[in-house]
Amino acid sequence: MNEVVIVIIAIVSLIAAVIIYGIVSTTMGYEEDVNKNYIPDRLERMLGADPKPKEDKEA
């Protein structure tokens, strides 16, 4: 049972680290983020997504 808890804590820690890295790197200007979702564009391209700027919705 202890092993399951350790694995869950490790997974949550890794996910939190990626989120914190994305927020810090985009706000500090180290990474580009054209669609303002706090996921660096380089990471989005690695995962196969095409980062596009958000289009403004006109009323």
C-alpha atoms as a PDB file:
ATOM      1  CA  MET A   1       0.000   0.000   0.000  1.00  0.00           C
ATOM      2  CA  ASN A   2       2.897   2.352   0.716  1.00  0.00           C
ATOM      3  CA  GLU A   3       4.211   1.863  -2.814  1.00  0.00           C
ATOM      4  CA  VAL A   4       0.903   3.033  -4.304  1.00  0.00           C
ATOM      5  CA  VAL A   5       0.965   6.190  -2.198  1.00  0.00           C
ATOM      6  CA  ILE A   6       4.575   6.899  -3.211  1.00  0.00           C
ATOM      7  CA  VAL A   7       3.747   6.464  -6.909  1.00  0.00           C
ATOM      8  CA  ILE A   8       0.709   8.745  -6.659  1.00  0.00           C
ATOM      9  CA  ILE A   9       2.759  11.408  -4.863  1.00  0.00           C
ATOM     10  CA  ALA A  10       5.485  11.140  -7.515  1.00  0.00           C
ATOM     11  CA  ILE A  11       2.999  11.517 -10.383  1.00  0.00           C
ATOM     12  CA  VAL A  12       1.317  14.516  -8.762  1.00  0.00           C
ATOM     13  CA  SER A  13       4.718  16.091  -8.119  1.00  0.00           C
ATOM     14  CA  LEU A  14       5.767  15.671 -11.753  1.00  0.00           C
ATOM     15  CA  ILE A  15       2.530  17.171 -13.043  1.00  0.00           C
ATOM     16  CA  ALA A  16       2.836  20.097 -10.627  1.00  0.00           C
ATOM     17  CA  ALA A  17       6.442  20.665 -11.708  1.00  0.00           C
ATOM     18  CA  VAL A  18       5.450  20.833 -15.387  1.00  0.00           C
ATOM     19  CA  ILE A  19       2.641  23.291 -14.630  1.00  0.00           C
ATOM     20  CA  ILE A  20       4.898  25.493 -12.499  1.00  0.00           C
ATOM     21  CA  TYR A  21       7.616  25.389 -15.178  1.00  0.00           C
ATOM     22  CA  GLY A  22       5.105  26.467 -17.820  1.00  0.00           C
ATOM     23  CA  ILE A  23       3.799  29.365 -15.768  1.00  0.00           C
ATOM     24  CA  VAL A  24       7.216  30.614 -14.669  1.00  0.00           C
ATOM     25  CA  SER A  25       8.913  30.247 -18.049  1.00  0.00           C
ATOM     26  CA  THR A  26       6.178  32.064 -19.956  1.00  0.00           C
ATOM     27  CA  THR A  27       5.774  34.898 -17.457  1.00  0.00           C
ATOM     28  CA  MET A  28       9.541  35.456 -17.219  1.00  0.00           C
ATOM     29  CA  GLY A  29       9.835  35.478 -21.009  1.00  0.00           C
ATOM     30  CA  TYR A  30      12.051  32.408 -21.390  1.00  0.00           C
ATOM     31  CA  GLU A  31       9.491  30.595 -23.534  1.00  0.00           C
ATOM     32  CA  GLU A  32       7.021  31.870 -26.094  1.00  0.00           C
ATOM     33  CA  ASP A  33       3.299  31.341 -25.526  1.00  0.00           C
ATOM     34  CA  VAL A  34       1.213  32.802 -28.355  1.00  0.00           C
ATOM     35  CA  ASN A  35      -2.130  31.393 -27.186  1.00  0.00           C
ATOM     36  CA  LYS A  36      -1.685  32.425 -23.519  1.00  0.00           C
ATOM     37  CA  ASN A  37      -2.503  29.068 -21.960  1.00  0.00           C
ATOM     38  CA  TYR A  38       0.681  28.887 -19.832  1.00  0.00           C
ATOM     39  CA  ILE A  39       1.915  25.887 -21.811  1.00  0.00           C
ATOM     40  CA  PRO A  40       5.105  26.804 -23.685  1.00  0.00           C
ATOM     41  CA  ASP A  41       4.774  26.516 -27.467  1.00  0.00           C
ATOM     42  CA  ARG A  42       7.856  24.301 -27.642  1.00  0.00           C
ATOM     43  CA  LEU A  43       6.140  21.752 -25.376  1.00  0.00           C
ATOM     44  CA  GLU A  44       2.926  21.945 -27.421  1.00  0.00           C
ATOM     45  CA  ARG A  45       4.877  21.226 -30.614  1.00  0.00           C
ATOM     46  CA  MET A  46       6.592  18.257 -28.930  1.00  0.00           C
ATOM     47  CA  LEU A  47       3.163  16.838 -28.060  1.00  0.00           C
ATOM     48  CA  GLY A  48       1.889  17.301 -31.614  1.00  0.00           C
ATOM     49  CA  ALA A  49      -0.354  20.321 -31.103  1.00  0.00           C
ATOM     50  CA  ASP A  50      -0.114  23.396 -33.298  1.00  0.00           C
ATOM     51  CA  PRO A  51      -0.044  26.481 -31.058  1.00  0.00           C
ATOM     52  CA  LYS A  52      -2.139  29.202 -32.648  1.00  0.00           C
ATOM     53  CA  PRO A  53      -3.041  32.569 -31.180  1.00  0.00           C
ATOM     54  CA  LYS A  54      -6.549  32.791 -29.793  1.00  0.00           C
ATOM     55  CA  GLU A  55      -8.922  34.607 -32.100  1.00  0.00           C
ATOM     56  CA  ASP A  56     -10.940  37.433 -30.639  1.00  0.00           C
ATOM     57  CA  LYS A  57     -14.662  36.802 -30.726  1.00  0.00           C
ATOM     58  CA  GLU A  58     -16.455  39.775 -32.161  1.00  0.00           C
ATOM     59  CA  ALA A  59     -19.945  40.472 -30.878  1.00  0.00           C
END
